[in-house]
Amino acid sequence: MIRHNALLRGTTLMLALTLGFSCGDDDSSTNPGNQPIRVPGDYATIEEAITAAKAGDTIELTEAMYSFDKALVIEAKTDLIIRGATDSFMRPVLQFGTGVGTDAISVENTCTNVTIEGIEIEPAPGLTYRHGITIRGAGTEVRDCWIEDARSNGINLPGAVADVLIERNYLIRSGLFGVSCNSGADAVVLRNTIVDTGDCGLYSFESAPMMMRNIVVRSANWGIAVFGTTLPMITCNALYENVTADYSPLTPPAVNDIQADPVFCTETTFSLLHTSPCTAENSVTCGAIGASDDVCEGS
């Protein structure tokens, strides 16, 4: 079962703005009684756990650090959850030194309904990787992740893929784009915080993603860039200090976007000052904008 139908854009938008976006059904009933697969514990490596996992399984990452010298490729899996931590201070770190031409994680088109949540992706010291997460599998969800210093894109949708959810991630210092949607990618891009990209924060080429309630700041080029005749839906984003402009010339009119400083408390966590226009209290029309719900007091 595909858990999201991004074609139902009007209904999804209203729910997202008023009630908060639904992150999908609980598919555990496909294998009732399953216990989580723990790494380490049940399996020594994440790769071994993925190979052994069946539909409906959850893989829990219980170590603080995992190191990779090659890409983590997920193939031929259905209804699989790979979970780190719901607490942002406890996310396990996955360090990749795969090289400039290889992604850190890829979800292949033989997958359906794979969820990756609560992890941090970073390059190994002195090394690099290309894209943080590349998504080709329908129904993929990436949420509550921190992805930093990708050489190209933080999250990459290279072509037509259905019903993708990219929600509440921190995409920091991506070399090219924070989130890139290409050639028919069908995605909801919701409540991400995208900072210091080398080109554009959000990028769409011949795709119609829904880009809602994201913070995009200090992109070296445009905050949101759109190319082609297929246009995204853009609403309730906050854009600030994007060098060339907040929008590329072909970007369609945005609805209820904010062009103002989101006012971070700290760039360690990107939590928001209580006076920020992006907090739920101050953003009455849209609700909370950006990945963080943490609010700090200050002058």
Protein backbone atom coordinates (compact mmCIF):
# COMPACT_ATOMS: atom_id res chain seq x y z
CA MET A 1 0.00 0.00 0.00
CA ILE A 2 1.38 3.42 -0.89
CA ARG A 3 0.99 5.49 2.24
CA HIS A 4 0.81 8.91 0.60
CA ASN A 5 -1.01 10.09 -2.47
CA ALA A 6 0.58 13.41 -3.30
CA LEU A 7 -1.84 13.76 -6.21
CA LEU A 8 -4.54 14.69 -3.68
CA ARG A 9 -2.86 18.05 -3.30
CA GLY A 10 -5.74 20.17 -2.11
CA THR A 11 -6.73 17.83 0.71
CA THR A 12 -3.13 17.23 1.73
CA LEU A 13 -2.39 20.94 1.84
CA MET A 14 -5.33 21.74 4.08
CA LEU A 15 -4.43 18.93 6.47
CA ALA A 16 -0.80 19.97 6.54
CA LEU A 17 -1.59 23.57 7.33
CA THR A 18 -4.32 22.98 9.92
CA LEU A 19 -3.73 19.62 11.55
CA GLY A 20 -0.08 18.75 10.83
CA PHE A 21 0.97 16.32 8.09
CA SER A 22 0.14 12.66 8.58
CA CYS A 23 3.21 10.50 8.34
CA GLY A 24 1.43 7.36 7.23
CA ASP A 25 -0.39 4.35 8.47
CA ASP A 26 1.05 1.85 10.86
CA ASP A 27 1.95 -1.12 8.66
CA SER A 28 3.06 -3.33 11.55
CA SER A 29 -0.14 -5.38 11.13
CA THR A 30 1.45 -7.08 8.11
CA ASN A 31 3.61 -8.97 10.60
CA PRO A 32 1.90 -8.60 13.99
CA GLY A 33 4.09 -9.18 17.00
CA ASN A 34 7.37 -8.41 15.24
CA GLN A 35 10.12 -7.28 17.54
CA PRO A 36 12.47 -4.54 16.32
CA ILE A 37 15.74 -5.70 14.77
CA ARG A 38 18.57 -4.05 16.68
CA VAL A 39 21.99 -3.12 15.32
CA PRO A 40 24.20 -4.15 16.96
CA GLY A 41 22.54 -6.89 18.95
CA ASP A 42 20.55 -8.93 16.49
CA TYR A 43 22.95 -8.14 13.62
CA ALA A 44 26.45 -6.70 13.62
CA THR A 45 25.89 -4.29 10.72
CA ILE A 46 23.07 -2.27 9.22
CA GLU A 47 23.63 -3.99 5.87
CA GLU A 48 23.09 -7.43 7.43
CA ALA A 49 19.92 -6.25 9.16
CA ILE A 50 18.49 -4.82 5.94
CA THR A 51 19.22 -8.05 4.07
CA ALA A 52 17.41 -10.09 6.73
CA ALA A 53 14.44 -7.75 7.18
CA LYS A 54 10.97 -8.74 6.02
CA ALA A 55 7.95 -6.62 5.18
CA GLY A 56 6.73 -4.77 8.27
CA ASP A 57 10.06 -4.91 10.13
CA THR A 58 11.69 -2.03 11.99
CA ILE A 59 15.47 -1.79 12.29
CA GLU A 60 16.59 0.17 15.34
CA LEU A 61 20.07 1.71 15.44
CA THR A 62 21.27 1.63 19.03
CA GLU A 63 24.93 2.66 18.67
CA ALA A 64 26.11 6.28 18.66
CA MET A 65 28.27 5.90 15.53
CA TYR A 66 28.35 3.74 12.40
CA SER A 67 31.09 4.00 9.77
CA PHE A 68 30.85 3.16 6.06
CA ASP A 69 33.42 3.00 3.28
CA LYS A 70 30.76 2.23 0.68
CA ALA A 71 27.19 3.27 -0.01
CA LEU A 72 24.30 1.86 1.98
CA VAL A 73 22.03 0.56 -0.80
CA ILE A 74 18.48 -0.52 0.04
CA GLU A 75 16.93 -2.83 -2.56
CA ALA A 76 13.80 -5.00 -2.89
CA LYS A 77 12.30 -4.03 0.48
CA THR A 78 8.67 -3.25 1.34
CA ASP A 79 7.28 -1.57 4.45
CA LEU A 80 10.66 -1.27 6.15
CA ILE A 81 11.53 1.30 8.82
CA ILE A 82 15.13 2.20 9.67
CA ARG A 83 14.98 4.20 12.89
CA GLY A 84 17.57 6.07 14.86
CA ALA A 85 16.26 8.30 17.64
CA THR A 86 13.26 10.56 18.08
CA ASP A 87 15.34 12.79 20.38
CA SER A 88 17.40 15.13 18.18
CA PHE A 89 20.30 15.03 20.65
CA MET A 90 20.48 11.23 20.46
CA ARG A 91 20.51 10.64 16.69
CA PRO A 92 23.04 7.95 15.73
CA VAL A 93 25.70 9.29 13.37
CA LEU A 94 26.33 7.45 10.11
CA GLN A 95 29.74 8.49 8.76
CA PHE A 96 30.37 7.93 5.07
CA GLY A 97 33.63 8.11 3.15
CA THR A 98 32.26 6.82 -0.14
CA GLY A 99 33.91 9.35 -2.47
CA VAL A 100 32.69 12.16 -4.71
CA GLY A 101 30.78 9.91 -7.11
CA THR A 102 28.85 7.76 -4.64
CA ASP A 103 25.83 8.52 -2.48
CA ALA A 104 25.70 7.80 1.23
CA ILE A 105 22.29 6.04 1.17
CA SER A 106 20.15 5.06 -1.80
CA VAL A 107 16.62 3.67 -1.77
CA GLU A 108 16.25 1.85 -5.07
CA ASN A 109 13.20 1.56 -7.32
CA THR A 110 12.65 -2.04 -6.24
CA CYS A 111 11.56 -0.70 -2.83
CA THR A 112 8.13 0.43 -1.66
CA ASN A 113 7.34 2.28 1.57
CA VAL A 114 10.82 2.49 3.09
CA THR A 115 11.13 4.95 5.97
CA ILE A 116 14.41 6.42 7.24
CA GLU A 117 14.07 8.46 10.40
CA GLY A 118 16.09 9.94 13.22
CA ILE A 119 19.64 9.55 11.88
CA GLU A 120 22.53 11.90 11.17
CA ILE A 121 24.63 11.59 8.00
CA GLU A 122 28.03 13.20 7.77
CA PRO A 123 31.27 12.63 5.86
CA ALA A 124 34.08 10.72 7.52
CA PRO A 125 37.02 12.98 8.47
CA GLY A 126 38.87 14.11 5.36
CA LEU A 127 36.47 12.24 3.06
CA THR A 128 33.21 12.99 1.27
CA TYR A 129 30.10 11.54 -0.36
CA ARG A 130 27.92 12.76 -3.26
CA HIS A 131 24.24 12.89 -2.20
CA GLY A 132 23.07 12.25 1.34
CA ILE A 133 20.01 10.16 0.43
CA THR A 134 18.94 9.33 -3.12
CA ILE A 135 15.33 8.20 -3.47
CA ARG A 136 14.04 6.05 -6.34
CA GLY A 137 11.55 3.88 -4.42
CA ALA A 138 7.86 4.78 -4.27
CA GLY A 139 6.42 5.70 -0.87
CA THR A 140 9.82 6.53 0.66
CA GLU A 141 9.78 8.72 3.76
CA VAL A 142 12.79 10.58 5.14
CA ARG A 143 12.08 12.45 8.33
CA ASP A 144 13.76 13.84 11.43
CA CYS A 145 17.23 13.41 9.92
CA TRP A 146 20.28 15.66 9.96
CA ILE A 147 22.34 15.57 6.73
CA GLU A 148 25.43 17.72 6.48
CA ASP A 149 28.23 18.46 4.02
CA ALA A 150 26.93 16.42 1.08
CA ARG A 151 29.10 17.25 -1.91
CA SER A 152 26.01 17.61 -4.13
CA ASN A 153 22.43 17.25 -2.79
CA GLY A 154 21.28 16.59 0.74
CA ILE A 155 18.25 14.63 -0.52
CA ASN A 156 18.11 13.72 -4.19
CA LEU A 157 15.11 12.58 -6.27
CA PRO A 158 16.73 11.94 -9.67
CA GLY A 159 13.58 11.08 -11.62
CA ALA A 160 9.96 9.96 -11.60
CA VAL A 161 9.07 8.48 -8.22
CA ALA A 162 5.68 8.50 -6.50
CA ASP A 163 4.49 9.50 -3.05
CA VAL A 164 7.68 10.60 -1.35
CA LEU A 165 7.62 12.45 1.97
CA ILE A 166 10.60 14.58 3.05
CA GLU A 167 9.69 15.94 6.45
CA ARG A 168 11.44 17.81 9.27
CA ASN A 169 15.02 17.26 8.19
CA TYR A 170 18.03 19.51 8.66
CA LEU A 171 20.02 19.86 5.44
CA ILE A 172 23.19 21.74 6.21
CA ARG A 173 25.92 22.91 3.81
CA SER A 174 24.89 20.79 0.84
CA GLY A 175 27.28 21.54 -2.01
CA LEU A 176 24.54 21.95 -4.63
CA PHE A 177 20.88 21.64 -3.49
CA GLY A 178 19.26 20.89 -0.15
CA VAL A 179 16.39 18.95 -1.77
CA SER A 180 16.41 18.24 -5.51
CA CYS A 181 13.26 17.00 -7.33
CA ASN A 182 13.72 16.04 -10.99
CA SER A 183 11.77 14.83 -14.01
CA GLY A 184 8.44 13.83 -12.55
CA ALA A 185 9.37 13.37 -8.89
CA ASP A 186 6.14 13.43 -6.85
CA ALA A 187 6.95 14.54 -3.31
CA VAL A 188 5.78 16.47 -0.29
CA VAL A 189 8.67 18.55 1.07
CA LEU A 190 7.44 19.67 4.47
CA ARG A 191 9.01 21.51 7.42
CA ASN A 192 12.69 21.14 6.58
CA THR A 193 15.44 23.53 7.67
CA ILE A 194 17.92 24.14 4.83
CA VAL A 195 21.00 26.24 5.51
CA ASP A 196 24.11 27.32 3.56
CA THR A 197 23.65 25.36 0.33
CA GLY A 198 26.23 25.90 -2.41
CA ASP A 199 23.55 26.65 -5.02
CA CYS A 200 19.80 26.46 -4.18
CA GLY A 201 17.92 25.33 -1.10
CA LEU A 202 14.93 23.75 -2.88
CA TYR A 203 15.20 22.77 -6.55
CA SER A 204 12.53 21.50 -8.93
CA PHE A 205 13.01 20.52 -12.58
CA GLU A 206 9.92 19.36 -14.48
CA SER A 207 8.37 18.19 -11.22
CA ALA A 208 5.39 19.22 -9.12
CA PRO A 209 6.38 18.71 -5.49
CA MET A 210 4.52 20.40 -2.67
CA MET A 211 7.04 22.67 -0.90
CA MET A 212 5.50 23.76 2.38
CA ARG A 213 6.64 25.28 5.67
CA ASN A 214 10.39 24.99 4.99
CA ILE A 215 13.09 27.38 6.20
CA VAL A 216 15.65 28.18 3.49
CA VAL A 217 18.47 30.56 4.41
CA ARG A 218 21.82 31.66 2.98
CA SER A 219 21.76 29.67 -0.27
CA ALA A 220 24.61 30.82 -2.52
CA ASN A 221 22.19 31.23 -5.42
CA TRP A 222 18.38 31.10 -5.13
CA GLY A 223 16.41 29.93 -2.12
CA ILE A 224 13.83 28.13 -4.30
CA ALA A 225 14.67 27.38 -7.94
CA VAL A 226 12.18 26.07 -10.49
CA PHE A 227 12.92 25.10 -14.10
CA GLY A 228 10.64 23.60 -16.75
CA THR A 229 6.92 23.82 -17.46
CA THR A 230 5.74 21.52 -14.65
CA LEU A 231 5.44 23.67 -11.56
CA PRO A 232 5.48 22.91 -7.82
CA MET A 233 3.07 24.17 -5.18
CA ILE A 234 4.91 26.60 -2.90
CA THR A 235 3.38 27.86 0.32
CA CYS A 236 4.25 28.99 3.84
CA ASN A 237 8.04 28.83 3.49
CA ALA A 238 10.47 31.20 5.19
CA LEU A 239 13.32 32.53 3.03
CA TYR A 240 16.16 34.78 4.13
CA GLU A 241 19.55 36.00 2.89
CA ASN A 242 19.63 33.81 -0.21
CA VAL A 243 22.38 35.47 -2.21
CA THR A 244 21.00 35.85 -5.75
CA ALA A 245 17.35 36.02 -4.72
CA ASP A 246 14.79 34.06 -2.73
CA TYR A 247 13.17 32.77 -5.95
CA SER A 248 14.44 31.94 -9.43
CA PRO A 249 12.73 33.80 -12.32
CA LEU A 250 10.54 30.80 -13.26
CA THR A 251 9.36 30.06 -9.72
CA PRO A 252 5.54 30.28 -9.59
CA PRO A 253 3.90 32.69 -7.15
CA ALA A 254 4.21 31.52 -3.57
CA VAL A 255 1.32 31.66 -1.12
CA ASN A 256 1.91 32.94 2.41
CA ASP A 257 5.72 32.71 2.20
CA ILE A 258 7.71 34.77 4.68
CA GLN A 259 10.80 36.69 3.56
CA ALA A 260 12.30 37.41 6.94
CA ASP A 261 14.96 36.23 9.39
CA PRO A 262 13.76 33.01 11.07
CA VAL A 263 15.85 34.00 14.13
CA PHE A 264 17.63 30.86 15.26
CA CYS A 265 18.60 30.57 18.92
CA THR A 266 21.71 28.64 17.91
CA GLU A 267 23.03 27.10 14.73
CA THR A 268 23.93 23.98 16.66
CA THR A 269 20.29 22.92 16.81
CA PHE A 270 18.52 25.57 14.69
CA SER A 271 15.88 26.00 17.37
CA LEU A 272 13.87 29.22 17.12
CA LEU A 273 13.77 32.32 19.29
CA HIS A 274 10.35 32.91 20.81
CA THR A 275 9.98 36.06 18.65
CA SER A 276 10.67 34.15 15.41
CA PRO A 277 8.01 34.52 12.71
CA CYS A 278 8.34 30.75 12.19
CA THR A 279 7.09 29.50 15.56
CA ALA A 280 3.62 28.00 15.74
CA GLU A 281 2.52 30.84 18.02
CA ASN A 282 3.68 33.58 15.64
CA SER A 283 2.86 31.86 12.35
CA VAL A 284 -0.89 31.73 12.77
CA THR A 285 -1.78 31.19 9.12
CA CYS A 286 0.72 28.44 8.38
CA GLY A 287 1.62 26.82 11.67
CA ALA A 288 5.21 26.07 12.65
CA ILE A 289 7.78 26.51 9.87
CA GLY A 290 11.06 24.60 9.73
CA ALA A 291 12.17 21.35 11.33
CA SER A 292 12.36 22.42 14.96
CA ASP A 293 9.57 22.77 17.51
CA ASP A 294 12.07 23.90 20.16
CA VAL A 295 11.68 27.54 21.17
CA CYS A 296 14.09 29.47 23.36
CA GLU A 297 13.61 32.69 25.29
CA GLY A 298 15.81 35.70 24.61
CA SER A 299 15.83 39.36 23.84
